[in-house]
Amino acid sequence: MALPATRHDSLEHAPAHLRLFQSIHPKNQRDWVAPCGYGDGALLAEAIAATYGMIEMIDDGVGKLMQQLDDLGIQDNTIVVFTSDHGDMMGDHGLFLKGFMHYRGTLQVPVMIRALGLPASRIPGLASSLDLAPTLLDLCGVADYDGIQGLSLRPALENNTQRVRDHVLIEDDIATITAKLTPIPGKTRTVITEQYRYNRNSKGEEQLFDLIADPDEMRDLTTNPHSAKAQMMEVLADALIAADDAAKGAPTQATSIPGLS
């Protein structure tokens, strides 16, 4: 098994809780899917091999589902979405498992959508899990509701040169008591553009990476003054303002106010 090149990352400039995770050997990890280090190369290779086996099993299962749709004659009347709620560090940056680690290993997940009339293509633009609901409503010809979060990916699905988003916002919160009893920050906010990833947490710790020049996220640009930091802080501020749930308290049916037209 090929091991990730970033597994020896010292995390010198990373948030403190990541260095703590990295120092925990898997044999000492006693909490359910709690983040830890990868142990050693042999153990990591075994874990990657087992994961590849799991992926092969899932692939076989998806194939059976698709065949069943075809056997029932409903494949052309069914939208299929394959995605995941998170990734796994799997040794990247010396880390293992998931949670509170805003690297590509956990943030970037597969999203595959199959629907009648959509061409087979790979879309290079950004997308968020929030976009799945608006996309499905759009593909089904169903109107969305006032204040719905997310954007329809349909323009990009129909033409992969189209861009629906210029950024993606990730919000990561834990219970206040957990933040008090552990080194994990209570709140972490990350914004991603096609070139940069910037994140900042409630302890004031931050990271900035150029995803084009440094796709492995090994060179934190916040360690020296960098012009992209101010740009990304502005993108983050705008994203947080736009992320407010405008649907809360909105009427579910059309209403009229006396005296207004």
Protein backbone atom coordinates (compact mmCIF):
# COMPACT_ATOMS: atom_id res chain seq x y z
CA MET A 1 0.00 0.00 0.00
CA ALA A 2 1.28 3.45 -0.93
CA LEU A 3 1.43 5.61 2.21
CA PRO A 4 0.53 9.34 2.14
CA ALA A 5 3.52 11.59 1.65
CA THR A 6 2.22 14.02 4.29
CA ARG A 7 2.27 11.46 7.13
CA HIS A 8 5.47 12.98 8.57
CA ASP A 9 4.00 16.48 8.87
CA SER A 10 5.16 17.91 12.21
CA LEU A 11 2.05 20.14 12.42
CA GLU A 12 4.40 22.73 13.92
CA HIS A 13 2.12 25.63 13.06
CA ALA A 14 -1.20 23.75 13.22
CA PRO A 15 -3.83 24.18 15.96
CA ALA A 16 -2.65 22.59 19.23
CA HIS A 17 -5.37 19.93 19.36
CA LEU A 18 -4.11 18.45 16.07
CA ARG A 19 -0.66 17.87 17.55
CA LEU A 20 -2.31 16.19 20.52
CA PHE A 21 -4.32 13.91 18.24
CA GLN A 22 -1.17 13.05 16.30
CA SER A 23 0.61 11.97 19.48
CA ILE A 24 -2.05 9.34 20.38
CA HIS A 25 -1.25 5.83 19.14
CA PRO A 26 -4.29 3.94 17.80
CA LYS A 27 -3.86 1.30 20.52
CA ASN A 28 -4.46 4.05 23.11
CA GLN A 29 -7.51 5.45 21.33
CA ARG A 30 -10.40 4.32 23.50
CA ASP A 31 -13.22 6.62 22.40
CA TRP A 32 -15.58 5.94 19.50
CA VAL A 33 -13.89 7.14 16.27
CA ALA A 34 -11.90 9.72 18.25
CA PRO A 35 -9.06 11.24 16.17
CA CYS A 36 -5.54 9.94 16.78
CA GLY A 37 -2.19 9.36 15.09
CA TYR A 38 -1.62 6.57 12.59
CA GLY A 39 0.82 4.54 14.69
CA ASP A 40 3.40 3.26 12.23
CA GLY A 41 3.75 2.54 8.52
CA ALA A 42 2.84 -1.15 8.75
CA LEU A 43 -0.32 -0.46 10.73
CA LEU A 44 -1.29 2.36 8.36
CA ALA A 45 -0.75 0.15 5.29
CA GLU A 46 -2.99 -2.50 6.84
CA ALA A 47 -5.71 0.09 7.55
CA ILE A 48 -5.54 1.46 3.99
CA ALA A 49 -5.76 -2.07 2.56
CA ALA A 50 -8.82 -2.80 4.71
CA THR A 51 -10.39 0.47 3.58
CA TYR A 52 -9.80 -0.38 -0.08
CA GLY A 53 -11.53 -3.69 0.58
CA MET A 54 -14.48 -1.86 2.11
CA ILE A 55 -14.66 0.46 -0.91
CA GLU A 56 -14.70 -2.56 -3.23
CA MET A 57 -17.60 -4.03 -1.23
CA ILE A 58 -19.52 -0.72 -1.46
CA ASP A 59 -18.81 -0.52 -5.19
CA ASP A 60 -20.22 -4.01 -5.64
CA GLY A 61 -23.31 -3.06 -3.63
CA VAL A 62 -23.90 0.09 -5.69
CA GLY A 63 -23.61 -2.00 -8.84
CA LYS A 64 -26.35 -4.32 -7.57
CA LEU A 65 -28.60 -1.35 -6.79
CA MET A 66 -28.10 0.10 -10.26
CA GLN A 67 -28.81 -3.28 -11.83
CA GLN A 68 -32.01 -3.55 -9.80
CA LEU A 69 -33.17 -0.16 -11.07
CA ASP A 70 -32.52 -1.37 -14.59
CA ASP A 71 -34.34 -4.68 -13.98
CA LEU A 72 -37.37 -2.78 -12.68
CA GLY A 73 -37.33 -0.47 -15.68
CA ILE A 74 -37.09 2.68 -13.56
CA GLN A 75 -33.45 3.66 -14.10
CA ASP A 76 -34.41 6.56 -16.38
CA ASN A 77 -36.95 7.80 -13.83
CA THR A 78 -34.60 7.70 -10.83
CA ILE A 79 -32.03 10.23 -9.64
CA VAL A 80 -29.05 8.56 -7.99
CA VAL A 81 -26.77 10.47 -5.61
CA PHE A 82 -23.62 8.94 -4.12
CA THR A 83 -21.87 10.96 -1.43
CA SER A 84 -20.49 10.81 2.12
CA ASP A 85 -20.79 12.94 5.24
CA HIS A 86 -17.02 13.10 5.81
CA GLY A 87 -13.68 11.69 4.75
CA ASP A 88 -10.89 10.07 6.77
CA MET A 89 -7.39 11.39 7.33
CA MET A 90 -5.96 7.88 6.78
CA GLY A 91 -2.46 8.99 7.75
CA ASP A 92 -2.52 12.40 6.04
CA HIS A 93 -0.58 14.87 8.20
CA GLY A 94 0.12 12.03 10.63
CA LEU A 95 -3.56 11.87 11.60
CA PHE A 96 -6.17 9.15 11.57
CA LEU A 97 -9.98 8.97 11.55
CA LYS A 98 -12.09 12.18 11.46
CA GLY A 99 -13.35 15.15 13.41
CA PHE A 100 -12.11 18.70 14.09
CA MET A 101 -9.40 18.39 11.41
CA HIS A 102 -10.12 20.77 8.53
CA TYR A 103 -7.83 19.21 5.97
CA ARG A 104 -8.87 17.91 2.57
CA GLY A 105 -8.77 14.35 3.89
CA THR A 106 -11.94 14.92 5.93
CA LEU A 107 -13.52 17.90 4.12
CA GLN A 108 -13.44 16.76 0.49
CA VAL A 109 -16.03 14.04 -0.07
CA PRO A 110 -17.31 12.28 -3.20
CA VAL A 111 -20.45 13.62 -4.86
CA MET A 112 -21.78 11.75 -7.90
CA ILE A 113 -25.19 12.53 -9.39
CA ARG A 114 -26.87 10.53 -12.13
CA ALA A 115 -30.12 11.69 -13.72
CA LEU A 116 -31.73 11.37 -17.12
CA GLY A 117 -30.41 13.94 -19.58
CA LEU A 118 -27.24 14.81 -17.64
CA PRO A 119 -24.00 14.21 -19.56
CA ALA A 120 -21.24 12.09 -18.02
CA SER A 121 -18.51 14.51 -16.92
CA ARG A 122 -16.21 15.55 -14.11
CA ILE A 123 -17.02 18.97 -12.67
CA PRO A 124 -14.00 20.99 -11.45
CA GLY A 125 -16.05 23.65 -9.63
CA LEU A 126 -16.91 23.86 -5.94
CA ALA A 127 -19.95 22.28 -4.33
CA SER A 128 -21.35 21.93 -0.82
CA SER A 129 -23.47 19.24 0.81
CA LEU A 130 -26.01 22.03 1.32
CA ASP A 131 -26.45 22.09 -2.45
CA LEU A 132 -27.91 18.59 -2.69
CA ALA A 133 -31.46 19.53 -1.65
CA PRO A 134 -31.77 22.53 -4.02
CA THR A 135 -30.26 20.41 -6.81
CA LEU A 136 -32.73 17.55 -6.37
CA LEU A 137 -35.68 19.96 -6.18
CA ASP A 138 -34.50 21.66 -9.37
CA LEU A 139 -34.02 18.36 -11.23
CA CYS A 140 -37.51 17.27 -10.17
CA GLY A 141 -39.11 20.57 -11.18
CA VAL A 142 -40.16 21.33 -7.60
CA ALA A 143 -39.98 24.91 -6.31
CA ASP A 144 -37.71 25.46 -3.32
CA TYR A 145 -38.87 27.28 -0.19
CA ASP A 146 -38.15 30.82 0.90
CA GLY A 147 -34.74 31.06 2.55
CA ILE A 148 -33.48 27.60 1.56
CA GLN A 149 -29.74 27.25 2.03
CA GLY A 150 -27.53 25.91 -0.74
CA LEU A 151 -27.53 26.36 -4.51
CA SER A 152 -28.72 24.16 -7.35
CA LEU A 153 -25.80 22.43 -9.07
CA ARG A 154 -27.89 21.85 -12.19
CA PRO A 155 -26.07 24.46 -14.34
CA ALA A 156 -22.74 22.75 -13.63
CA LEU A 157 -24.21 19.27 -14.10
CA GLU A 158 -25.46 20.26 -17.53
CA ASN A 159 -22.25 22.09 -18.50
CA ASN A 160 -19.10 21.36 -16.52
CA THR A 161 -17.55 24.70 -17.50
CA GLN A 162 -20.18 26.50 -15.41
CA ARG A 163 -19.42 27.55 -11.85
CA VAL A 164 -22.20 27.66 -9.26
CA ARG A 165 -20.05 28.72 -6.30
CA ASP A 166 -16.96 30.81 -5.68
CA HIS A 167 -16.55 29.53 -2.12
CA VAL A 168 -17.69 26.86 0.33
CA LEU A 169 -18.21 27.50 4.06
CA ILE A 170 -17.69 24.78 6.68
CA GLU A 171 -18.96 25.31 10.24
CA ASP A 172 -17.78 22.95 13.00
CA ASP A 173 -19.13 23.32 16.56
CA ILE A 174 -18.88 21.17 19.66
CA ALA A 175 -20.71 21.37 22.97
CA THR A 176 -19.46 24.11 25.29
CA ILE A 177 -18.70 21.62 28.06
CA THR A 178 -16.63 19.51 25.64
CA ALA A 179 -14.61 22.56 24.65
CA LYS A 180 -13.98 23.34 28.33
CA LEU A 181 -12.85 19.81 29.19
CA THR A 182 -10.73 19.14 26.08
CA PRO A 183 -8.24 21.06 23.94
CA ILE A 184 -10.67 20.97 21.00
CA PRO A 185 -11.84 24.49 20.01
CA GLY A 186 -15.55 25.08 20.53
CA LYS A 187 -16.03 26.60 17.08
CA THR A 188 -14.09 26.31 13.83
CA ARG A 189 -14.94 28.08 10.61
CA THR A 190 -13.34 27.27 7.26
CA VAL A 191 -13.84 28.85 3.87
CA ILE A 192 -12.58 27.29 0.63
CA THR A 193 -12.18 28.89 -2.78
CA GLU A 194 -10.73 27.24 -5.87
CA GLN A 195 -7.28 28.46 -4.83
CA TYR A 196 -7.22 28.86 -1.05
CA ARG A 197 -8.41 27.30 2.18
CA TYR A 198 -8.55 29.50 5.28
CA ASN A 199 -9.78 28.45 8.69
CA ARG A 200 -9.96 30.09 12.10
CA ASN A 201 -11.21 28.74 15.41
CA SER A 202 -12.53 30.20 18.65
CA LYS A 203 -9.03 30.03 20.16
CA GLY A 204 -7.72 32.38 17.49
CA GLU A 205 -5.70 29.64 15.76
CA GLU A 206 -5.71 29.83 11.98
CA GLN A 207 -4.36 28.23 8.82
CA LEU A 208 -4.11 29.35 5.20
CA PHE A 209 -3.12 27.13 2.29
CA ASP A 210 -2.73 27.68 -1.45
CA LEU A 211 -4.52 24.60 -2.81
CA ILE A 212 -3.10 25.07 -6.30
CA ALA A 213 0.56 25.54 -5.40
CA ASP A 214 0.35 23.28 -2.33
CA PRO A 215 -2.44 20.67 -2.80
CA ASP A 216 -1.08 18.60 0.11
CA GLU A 217 -1.58 21.55 2.49
CA MET A 218 1.90 21.45 3.93
CA ARG A 219 2.86 25.17 3.82
CA ASP A 220 0.76 27.30 6.17
CA LEU A 221 0.80 30.82 4.73
CA THR A 222 -0.22 32.45 8.02
CA THR A 223 3.29 31.92 9.41
CA ASN A 224 4.43 34.89 7.30
CA PRO A 225 2.49 37.93 6.04
CA HIS A 226 0.55 36.93 2.92
CA SER A 227 -1.79 39.06 0.83
CA ALA A 228 -4.32 36.23 0.49
CA LYS A 229 -5.06 36.25 4.23
CA ALA A 230 -6.96 39.56 4.18
CA GLN A 231 -8.78 38.44 1.05
CA MET A 232 -9.86 35.14 2.62
CA MET A 233 -10.88 36.77 5.91
CA GLU A 234 -13.21 39.00 3.89
CA VAL A 235 -14.61 35.97 2.04
CA LEU A 236 -15.15 34.24 5.40
CA ALA A 237 -16.93 37.28 6.88
CA ASP A 238 -19.25 37.54 3.88
CA ALA A 239 -19.91 33.78 3.94
CA LEU A 240 -20.86 33.87 7.63
CA ILE A 241 -23.30 36.72 7.02
CA ALA A 242 -24.87 34.89 4.07
CA ALA A 243 -25.10 31.62 6.04
CA ASP A 244 -27.76 32.97 8.41
CA ASP A 245 -30.85 30.72 8.31
CA ALA A 246 -33.36 33.07 6.71
CA ALA A 247 -35.98 30.30 6.60
CA LYS A 248 -36.54 30.29 10.37
CA GLY A 249 -39.99 31.66 11.12
CA ALA A 250 -40.87 32.11 7.46
CA PRO A 251 -44.50 31.30 6.60
CA THR A 252 -45.09 28.00 4.85
CA GLN A 253 -48.02 29.43 2.90
CA ALA A 254 -48.58 32.72 1.10
CA THR A 255 -50.04 35.37 3.40
CA SER A 256 -51.35 38.89 2.92
CA ILE A 257 -51.00 41.88 5.21
CA PRO A 258 -54.01 44.23 5.44
CA GLY A 259 -53.35 47.56 3.78
CA LEU A 260 -50.39 46.29 1.76
CA SER A 261 -50.43 45.06 -1.82
